[in-house]
Amino acid sequence: MPYKEKSIEKLYYSIGEVSEMLNVPVSTVRFWENEFDVLKPMKNKKGNRMFTPDDIKNLKIIHRLLKEEGMTMQGAKKKLTGRWEETEYKYEITNSLQKIKELLIDLRDNI
């Protein structure tokens, strides 16, 4: 199995980096920030948004609800209100299963 370096995780990511990670326009990230209370990115002296890894995880959860599950904004807000822990738990499980799937595909291709 080939050696894979750990990805270096930064403390803060710019809005441009976040939009590339999620494959959505910067304006969409700004819109979601205004619509969802769980997103509170820090701003530097210039006023640029700086997202932490936790913010990115929350954005990925919102992205999954809206883009992959096809929920409306209102439906996603309703689901996240009061049930954030459950949604976060389901996201973690899905993420773990995706990593296992990638590992198994890599093993199959290298055998």
N, C-alpha and C. Protein backbone atom coordinates (compact mmCIF):
# COMPACT_ATOMS: atom_id res chain seq x y z
N MET A 1 0.86 -1.17 0.00
CA MET A 1 0.00 0.00 0.00
C MET A 1 0.90 1.23 0.00
N PRO A 2 0.65 2.20 -0.87
CA PRO A 2 1.52 3.37 -0.94
C PRO A 2 1.40 4.24 0.30
N TYR A 3 2.49 4.92 0.59
CA TYR A 3 2.54 5.81 1.74
C TYR A 3 1.74 7.08 1.43
N LYS A 4 0.91 7.47 2.36
CA LYS A 4 0.14 8.70 2.19
C LYS A 4 0.49 9.63 3.35
N GLU A 5 0.89 10.84 2.99
CA GLU A 5 1.19 11.82 4.03
C GLU A 5 -0.10 12.33 4.62
N LYS A 6 -0.06 12.66 5.91
CA LYS A 6 -1.21 13.28 6.54
C LYS A 6 -1.38 14.67 5.97
N SER A 7 -2.62 15.05 5.76
CA SER A 7 -2.84 16.40 5.27
C SER A 7 -2.61 17.38 6.42
N ILE A 8 -1.96 18.46 6.12
CA ILE A 8 -1.67 19.47 7.13
C ILE A 8 -2.93 20.29 7.33
N GLU A 9 -3.37 20.37 8.56
CA GLU A 9 -4.58 21.10 8.85
C GLU A 9 -4.20 22.46 9.41
N LYS A 10 -4.74 23.49 8.80
CA LYS A 10 -4.46 24.85 9.22
C LYS A 10 -5.43 25.25 10.33
N LEU A 11 -5.08 26.31 11.03
CA LEU A 11 -5.97 26.83 12.07
C LEU A 11 -7.13 27.61 11.46
N TYR A 12 -6.84 28.34 10.38
CA TYR A 12 -7.86 29.16 9.74
C TYR A 12 -7.77 29.03 8.23
N TYR A 13 -8.93 29.04 7.58
CA TYR A 13 -9.00 28.96 6.13
C TYR A 13 -9.75 30.19 5.62
N SER A 14 -9.33 30.69 4.47
CA SER A 14 -10.01 31.84 3.87
C SER A 14 -11.31 31.37 3.23
N ILE A 15 -12.17 32.31 2.91
CA ILE A 15 -13.45 31.95 2.29
C ILE A 15 -13.23 31.35 0.91
N GLY A 16 -12.18 31.77 0.22
CA GLY A 16 -11.86 31.19 -1.08
C GLY A 16 -11.48 29.72 -0.97
N GLU A 17 -10.66 29.40 0.03
CA GLU A 17 -10.26 28.00 0.25
C GLU A 17 -11.47 27.15 0.60
N VAL A 18 -12.36 27.70 1.42
CA VAL A 18 -13.55 26.96 1.84
C VAL A 18 -14.46 26.72 0.64
N SER A 19 -14.62 27.72 -0.20
CA SER A 19 -15.49 27.54 -1.37
C SER A 19 -14.92 26.50 -2.32
N GLU A 20 -13.59 26.41 -2.43
CA GLU A 20 -12.96 25.37 -3.26
C GLU A 20 -13.18 23.99 -2.66
N MET A 21 -13.06 23.87 -1.32
CA MET A 21 -13.28 22.58 -0.66
C MET A 21 -14.68 22.06 -0.93
N LEU A 22 -15.66 22.96 -0.88
CA LEU A 22 -17.05 22.56 -1.02
C LEU A 22 -17.52 22.59 -2.47
N ASN A 23 -16.69 23.15 -3.34
CA ASN A 23 -17.03 23.28 -4.77
C ASN A 23 -18.31 24.10 -4.97
N VAL A 24 -18.37 25.21 -4.23
CA VAL A 24 -19.48 26.15 -4.37
C VAL A 24 -18.90 27.55 -4.50
N PRO A 25 -19.65 28.50 -5.06
CA PRO A 25 -19.14 29.88 -5.16
C PRO A 25 -18.97 30.53 -3.78
N VAL A 26 -18.11 31.52 -3.73
CA VAL A 26 -17.87 32.25 -2.48
C VAL A 26 -19.17 32.88 -1.98
N SER A 27 -19.98 33.38 -2.90
CA SER A 27 -21.24 34.01 -2.51
C SER A 27 -22.16 33.03 -1.78
N THR A 28 -22.10 31.76 -2.13
CA THR A 28 -22.92 30.74 -1.46
C THR A 28 -22.47 30.56 -0.02
N VAL A 29 -21.16 30.56 0.21
CA VAL A 29 -20.63 30.43 1.58
C VAL A 29 -21.07 31.64 2.41
N ARG A 30 -20.99 32.84 1.83
CA ARG A 30 -21.44 34.05 2.53
C ARG A 30 -22.93 33.96 2.86
N PHE A 31 -23.72 33.50 1.89
CA PHE A 31 -25.16 33.38 2.10
C PHE A 31 -25.46 32.40 3.23
N TRP A 32 -24.81 31.23 3.21
CA TRP A 32 -25.03 30.25 4.27
C TRP A 32 -24.63 30.81 5.63
N GLU A 33 -23.56 31.61 5.65
CA GLU A 33 -23.13 32.22 6.92
C GLU A 33 -24.24 33.09 7.50
N ASN A 34 -24.93 33.82 6.64
CA ASN A 34 -26.01 34.70 7.11
C ASN A 34 -27.27 33.92 7.49
N GLU A 35 -27.48 32.78 6.87
CA GLU A 35 -28.70 32.01 7.09
C GLU A 35 -28.64 31.05 8.27
N PHE A 36 -27.47 30.51 8.56
CA PHE A 36 -27.34 29.49 9.62
C PHE A 36 -26.56 30.05 10.81
N ASP A 37 -27.17 29.94 11.98
CA ASP A 37 -26.58 30.50 13.20
C ASP A 37 -25.32 29.78 13.66
N VAL A 38 -25.12 28.53 13.25
CA VAL A 38 -23.95 27.78 13.71
C VAL A 38 -22.67 28.27 13.05
N LEU A 39 -22.79 29.05 11.99
CA LEU A 39 -21.60 29.55 11.28
C LEU A 39 -21.26 30.94 11.79
N LYS A 40 -20.15 31.01 12.48
CA LYS A 40 -19.67 32.28 13.02
C LYS A 40 -18.17 32.41 12.76
N PRO A 41 -17.77 32.62 11.49
CA PRO A 41 -16.34 32.72 11.23
C PRO A 41 -15.74 33.99 11.85
N MET A 42 -14.49 33.88 12.22
CA MET A 42 -13.78 35.05 12.74
C MET A 42 -13.47 35.97 11.58
N LYS A 43 -13.23 37.23 11.88
CA LYS A 43 -12.80 38.17 10.85
C LYS A 43 -11.48 38.79 11.30
N ASN A 44 -10.55 38.92 10.35
CA ASN A 44 -9.27 39.53 10.68
C ASN A 44 -9.40 41.05 10.64
N LYS A 45 -8.28 41.76 10.80
CA LYS A 45 -8.31 43.22 10.84
C LYS A 45 -8.86 43.83 9.57
N LYS A 46 -8.64 43.15 8.45
CA LYS A 46 -9.16 43.65 7.17
C LYS A 46 -10.65 43.33 6.98
N GLY A 47 -11.19 42.48 7.82
CA GLY A 47 -12.59 42.09 7.69
C GLY A 47 -12.80 40.81 6.90
N ASN A 48 -11.70 40.15 6.54
CA ASN A 48 -11.80 38.89 5.80
C ASN A 48 -12.26 37.77 6.73
N ARG A 49 -13.12 36.94 6.24
CA ARG A 49 -13.62 35.82 7.03
C ARG A 49 -12.54 34.75 7.14
N MET A 50 -12.37 34.22 8.35
CA MET A 50 -11.40 33.16 8.61
C MET A 50 -12.15 32.01 9.28
N PHE A 51 -12.22 30.89 8.57
CA PHE A 51 -12.99 29.73 9.02
C PHE A 51 -12.09 28.72 9.73
N THR A 52 -12.56 28.22 10.87
CA THR A 52 -11.84 27.19 11.62
C THR A 52 -12.24 25.82 11.07
N PRO A 53 -11.50 24.76 11.42
CA PRO A 53 -11.92 23.42 10.99
C PRO A 53 -13.34 23.06 11.45
N ASP A 54 -13.76 23.54 12.63
CA ASP A 54 -15.13 23.29 13.09
C ASP A 54 -16.15 23.98 12.19
N ASP A 55 -15.84 25.21 11.78
CA ASP A 55 -16.72 25.92 10.84
C ASP A 55 -16.85 25.15 9.54
N ILE A 56 -15.73 24.60 9.07
CA ILE A 56 -15.73 23.86 7.81
C ILE A 56 -16.56 22.59 7.95
N LYS A 57 -16.45 21.92 9.10
CA LYS A 57 -17.26 20.71 9.34
C LYS A 57 -18.75 21.08 9.31
N ASN A 58 -19.11 22.19 9.95
CA ASN A 58 -20.50 22.64 9.94
C ASN A 58 -20.96 22.98 8.53
N LEU A 59 -20.09 23.62 7.75
CA LEU A 59 -20.43 23.94 6.37
C LEU A 59 -20.61 22.67 5.54
N LYS A 60 -19.79 21.66 5.78
CA LYS A 60 -19.93 20.40 5.05
C LYS A 60 -21.25 19.72 5.39
N ILE A 61 -21.68 19.81 6.65
CA ILE A 61 -22.97 19.25 7.05
C ILE A 61 -24.10 19.98 6.32
N ILE A 62 -24.02 21.30 6.30
CA ILE A 62 -25.04 22.10 5.62
C ILE A 62 -25.02 21.80 4.12
N HIS A 63 -23.83 21.68 3.55
CA HIS A 63 -23.70 21.37 2.13
C HIS A 63 -24.34 20.02 1.82
N ARG A 64 -24.10 19.03 2.66
CA ARG A 64 -24.67 17.70 2.44
C ARG A 64 -26.19 17.75 2.49
N LEU A 65 -26.73 18.48 3.47
CA LEU A 65 -28.19 18.57 3.59
C LEU A 65 -28.81 19.25 2.37
N LEU A 66 -28.19 20.34 1.93
CA LEU A 66 -28.77 21.12 0.84
C LEU A 66 -28.51 20.52 -0.54
N LYS A 67 -27.28 20.12 -0.79
CA LYS A 67 -26.90 19.69 -2.13
C LYS A 67 -27.07 18.20 -2.37
N GLU A 68 -26.70 17.37 -1.40
CA GLU A 68 -26.74 15.93 -1.61
C GLU A 68 -28.09 15.33 -1.24
N GLU A 69 -28.68 15.82 -0.14
CA GLU A 69 -29.98 15.29 0.27
C GLU A 69 -31.14 16.06 -0.36
N GLY A 70 -30.85 17.22 -0.96
CA GLY A 70 -31.86 17.99 -1.67
C GLY A 70 -32.85 18.71 -0.79
N MET A 71 -32.47 19.03 0.43
CA MET A 71 -33.37 19.75 1.33
C MET A 71 -33.44 21.22 0.93
N THR A 72 -34.53 21.86 1.32
CA THR A 72 -34.65 23.31 1.13
C THR A 72 -33.93 24.00 2.29
N MET A 73 -33.73 25.30 2.14
CA MET A 73 -33.09 26.06 3.23
C MET A 73 -33.93 25.96 4.50
N GLN A 74 -35.23 26.11 4.35
CA GLN A 74 -36.11 26.04 5.50
C GLN A 74 -36.07 24.66 6.15
N GLY A 75 -36.05 23.62 5.32
CA GLY A 75 -35.99 22.26 5.84
C GLY A 75 -34.69 21.98 6.57
N ALA A 76 -33.57 22.47 6.02
CA ALA A 76 -32.27 22.28 6.66
C ALA A 76 -32.22 23.02 7.99
N LYS A 77 -32.74 24.25 8.02
CA LYS A 77 -32.76 25.01 9.27
C LYS A 77 -33.58 24.29 10.32
N LYS A 78 -34.73 23.76 9.90
CA LYS A 78 -35.61 23.06 10.83
C LYS A 78 -34.93 21.80 11.36
N LYS A 79 -34.25 21.08 10.49
CA LYS A 79 -33.57 19.85 10.90
C LYS A 79 -32.44 20.16 11.88
N LEU A 80 -31.72 21.26 11.65
CA LEU A 80 -30.59 21.59 12.50
C LEU A 80 -31.00 22.22 13.83
N THR A 81 -32.18 22.81 13.89
CA THR A 81 -32.64 23.45 15.11
C THR A 81 -32.96 22.39 16.16
N GLY A 82 -32.19 22.40 17.21
CA GLY A 82 -32.43 21.48 18.32
C GLY A 82 -31.92 20.07 18.11
N ARG A 83 -31.55 19.71 16.88
CA ARG A 83 -31.09 18.34 16.61
C ARG A 83 -29.70 18.36 16.00
N TRP A 84 -28.92 19.34 16.37
CA TRP A 84 -27.59 19.49 15.78
C TRP A 84 -26.69 18.30 16.10
N GLU A 85 -26.74 17.79 17.33
CA GLU A 85 -25.88 16.68 17.72
C GLU A 85 -26.18 15.43 16.89
N GLU A 86 -27.47 15.18 16.66
CA GLU A 86 -27.86 14.02 15.87
C GLU A 86 -27.37 14.16 14.42
N THR A 87 -27.53 15.33 13.86
CA THR A 87 -27.09 15.58 12.48
C THR A 87 -25.58 15.48 12.38
N GLU A 88 -24.88 16.02 13.36
CA GLU A 88 -23.42 15.94 13.37
C GLU A 88 -22.95 14.50 13.50
N TYR A 89 -23.63 13.71 14.32
CA TYR A 89 -23.30 12.30 14.51
C TYR A 89 -23.48 11.53 13.20
N LYS A 90 -24.58 11.78 12.50
CA LYS A 90 -24.83 11.12 11.22
C LYS A 90 -23.78 11.52 10.19
N TYR A 91 -23.36 12.79 10.22
CA TYR A 91 -22.32 13.25 9.31
C TYR A 91 -21.01 12.51 9.57
N GLU A 92 -20.65 12.36 10.85
CA GLU A 92 -19.42 11.66 11.20
C GLU A 92 -19.45 10.21 10.74
N ILE A 93 -20.59 9.55 10.90
CA ILE A 93 -20.72 8.16 10.45
C ILE A 93 -20.57 8.08 8.94
N THR A 94 -21.25 8.97 8.22
CA THR A 94 -21.17 8.99 6.77
C THR A 94 -19.74 9.24 6.31
N ASN A 95 -19.07 10.16 6.96
CA ASN A 95 -17.69 10.49 6.62
C ASN A 95 -16.77 9.29 6.87
N SER A 96 -16.96 8.58 7.98
CA SER A 96 -16.16 7.40 8.29
C SER A 96 -16.38 6.30 7.26
N LEU A 97 -17.64 6.09 6.90
CA LEU A 97 -17.95 5.06 5.90
C LEU A 97 -17.34 5.41 4.54
N GLN A 98 -17.34 6.69 4.19
CA GLN A 98 -16.74 7.11 2.92
C GLN A 98 -15.23 6.83 2.91
N LYS A 99 -14.57 7.08 4.03
CA LYS A 99 -13.13 6.80 4.13
C LYS A 99 -12.85 5.31 4.03
N ILE A 100 -13.69 4.49 4.67
CA ILE A 100 -13.53 3.04 4.58
C ILE A 100 -13.71 2.57 3.15
N LYS A 101 -14.71 3.12 2.48
CA LYS A 101 -14.96 2.77 1.08
C LYS A 101 -13.75 3.10 0.21
N GLU A 102 -13.17 4.30 0.41
CA GLU A 102 -11.98 4.69 -0.36
C GLU A 102 -10.81 3.76 -0.08
N LEU A 103 -10.64 3.37 1.17
CA LEU A 103 -9.57 2.44 1.53
C LEU A 103 -9.77 1.09 0.86
N LEU A 104 -10.99 0.58 0.89
CA LEU A 104 -11.28 -0.72 0.27
C LEU A 104 -11.09 -0.68 -1.24
N ILE A 105 -11.48 0.41 -1.88
CA ILE A 105 -11.28 0.55 -3.31
C ILE A 105 -9.79 0.61 -3.62
N ASP A 106 -9.04 1.33 -2.79
CA ASP A 106 -7.58 1.41 -2.97
C ASP A 106 -6.94 0.04 -2.82
N LEU A 107 -7.37 -0.74 -1.82
CA LEU A 107 -6.85 -2.09 -1.62
C LEU A 107 -7.20 -2.99 -2.81
N ARG A 108 -8.42 -2.91 -3.26
CA ARG A 108 -8.84 -3.73 -4.41
C ARG A 108 -8.00 -3.41 -5.65
N ASP A 109 -7.76 -2.13 -5.89
CA ASP A 109 -7.01 -1.72 -7.08
C ASP A 109 -5.53 -2.07 -7.00
N ASN A 110 -5.01 -2.23 -5.80
CA ASN A 110 -3.59 -2.52 -5.63
C ASN A 110 -3.30 -4.02 -5.46
N ILE A 111 -4.30 -4.83 -5.44
CA ILE A 111 -4.08 -6.29 -5.28
C ILE A 111 -3.87 -6.91 -6.63
